[in-house]
Amino acid sequence: MANITGMTRGGEAWEPAFVVALNQKTCIGCGRCYKVCPRNVFDLVEREEALGDEDDLDMDDFDDEDDNMMVMSIKDALDCIGCGACSRVCPKNCHTHEPQPVAA
């Protein structure tokens, strides 16, 4: 199946790359991607909720201050329009984008 493509104002073909993953281990919860997103793609969640059971985590990787830290999660990936604004403002490069096929 062909990837989604569009046209620029100048008539050139453009293939948007949509957010497909967010690395919550490197996310600092700054909220920049949440603020810049023109759609309702992201949500702030508590670190434990985002990363799962604490038994699975190496808690030495986090400071005591980080225990209640909020991190971003992908709330609705299907609402992403592929603008890439989130990855341009992220100071930790947490977002992964890929072209996607047209949904059937």
Protein backbone atom coordinates (compact mmCIF):
# COMPACT_ATOMS: atom_id res chain seq x y z
CA MET A 1 0.00 0.00 0.00
CA ALA A 2 1.29 3.47 -0.87
CA ASN A 3 2.33 5.97 1.78
CA ILE A 4 0.30 9.11 2.38
CA THR A 5 1.50 11.97 0.19
CA GLY A 6 0.47 15.56 -0.24
CA MET A 7 1.34 18.54 -2.38
CA THR A 8 3.17 21.66 -1.32
CA ARG A 9 1.94 25.08 -2.40
CA GLY A 10 4.67 25.02 -5.02
CA GLY A 11 3.28 21.81 -6.52
CA GLU A 12 5.94 19.44 -5.19
CA ALA A 13 5.00 16.07 -3.72
CA TRP A 14 5.47 15.85 0.05
CA GLU A 15 5.44 12.72 2.22
CA PRO A 16 4.63 13.52 5.87
CA ALA A 17 6.27 11.52 8.65
CA PHE A 18 3.87 10.75 11.51
CA VAL A 19 4.81 10.24 15.16
CA VAL A 20 4.98 6.49 15.86
CA ALA A 21 6.89 6.36 19.16
CA LEU A 22 8.00 8.48 22.09
CA ASN A 23 10.95 7.45 24.29
CA GLN A 24 9.62 7.99 27.81
CA LYS A 25 12.94 7.01 29.39
CA THR A 26 14.62 10.10 27.95
CA CYS A 27 11.56 12.40 28.17
CA ILE A 28 11.91 15.15 30.78
CA GLY A 29 8.22 16.10 30.72
CA CYS A 30 8.85 19.67 29.63
CA GLY A 31 5.58 19.73 27.67
CA ARG A 32 7.02 21.53 24.64
CA CYS A 33 5.65 18.92 22.23
CA TYR A 34 2.25 19.10 23.94
CA LYS A 35 2.15 22.88 23.58
CA VAL A 36 3.27 23.01 19.95
CA CYS A 37 1.12 20.13 18.66
CA PRO A 38 -1.78 21.50 16.57
CA ARG A 39 -3.77 18.31 17.27
CA ASN A 40 -4.59 16.31 20.43
CA VAL A 41 -1.75 13.76 20.03
CA PHE A 42 0.08 13.94 23.39
CA ASP A 43 -0.78 13.67 27.08
CA LEU A 44 1.17 14.12 30.31
CA VAL A 45 1.25 11.04 32.55
CA GLU A 46 3.12 10.14 35.74
CA ARG A 47 6.45 8.39 35.24
CA GLU A 48 5.31 5.13 36.92
CA GLU A 49 2.22 4.96 34.71
CA ALA A 50 4.30 5.57 31.61
CA LEU A 51 7.12 3.14 32.35
CA GLY A 52 5.17 0.38 34.07
CA ASP A 53 5.78 -1.53 37.28
CA GLU A 54 8.64 -0.20 39.42
CA ASP A 55 9.97 -3.75 39.79
CA ASP A 56 10.83 -3.66 36.09
CA LEU A 57 12.67 -0.34 36.40
CA ASP A 58 16.23 0.32 37.46
CA MET A 59 15.41 3.06 39.94
CA ASP A 60 19.11 3.97 40.21
CA ASP A 61 18.63 5.68 36.82
CA PHE A 62 16.36 8.28 38.45
CA ASP A 63 16.88 10.87 41.19
CA ASP A 64 14.60 10.88 44.24
CA GLU A 65 13.16 14.14 42.90
CA ASP A 66 12.10 12.35 39.69
CA ASP A 67 9.79 9.85 41.46
CA ASN A 68 6.65 11.91 40.75
CA MET A 69 7.87 13.43 37.51
CA MET A 70 5.47 13.72 34.61
CA VAL A 71 6.44 12.48 31.15
CA MET A 72 4.73 12.67 27.79
CA SER A 73 2.84 9.82 26.17
CA ILE A 74 1.15 9.42 22.82
CA LYS A 75 -2.56 9.86 23.49
CA ASP A 76 -3.90 9.61 19.93
CA ALA A 77 -1.35 8.77 17.23
CA LEU A 78 -4.10 8.64 14.60
CA ASP A 79 -4.70 12.38 15.09
CA CYS A 80 -1.10 13.22 14.05
CA ILE A 81 -0.94 15.24 10.82
CA GLY A 82 2.79 14.65 10.27
CA CYS A 83 3.95 18.24 10.69
CA GLY A 84 6.97 17.23 12.82
CA ALA A 85 6.67 20.25 15.13
CA CYS A 86 6.97 18.02 18.21
CA SER A 87 10.35 16.63 17.23
CA ARG A 88 11.70 20.07 16.33
CA VAL A 89 11.02 21.47 19.82
CA CYS A 90 12.01 18.38 21.85
CA PRO A 91 15.34 19.01 23.66
CA LYS A 92 15.90 15.25 24.16
CA ASN A 93 14.93 13.96 20.67
CA CYS A 94 12.30 11.62 22.16
CA HIS A 95 10.03 11.34 19.10
CA THR A 96 10.24 8.83 16.25
CA HIS A 97 8.47 9.65 12.98
CA GLU A 98 7.81 7.48 9.93
CA PRO A 99 5.79 7.80 6.73
CA GLN A 100 2.57 5.78 7.00
CA PRO A 101 0.36 4.04 4.44
CA VAL A 102 -3.15 5.19 3.66
CA ALA A 103 -5.59 3.46 6.02
CA ALA A 104 -8.06 1.17 4.33
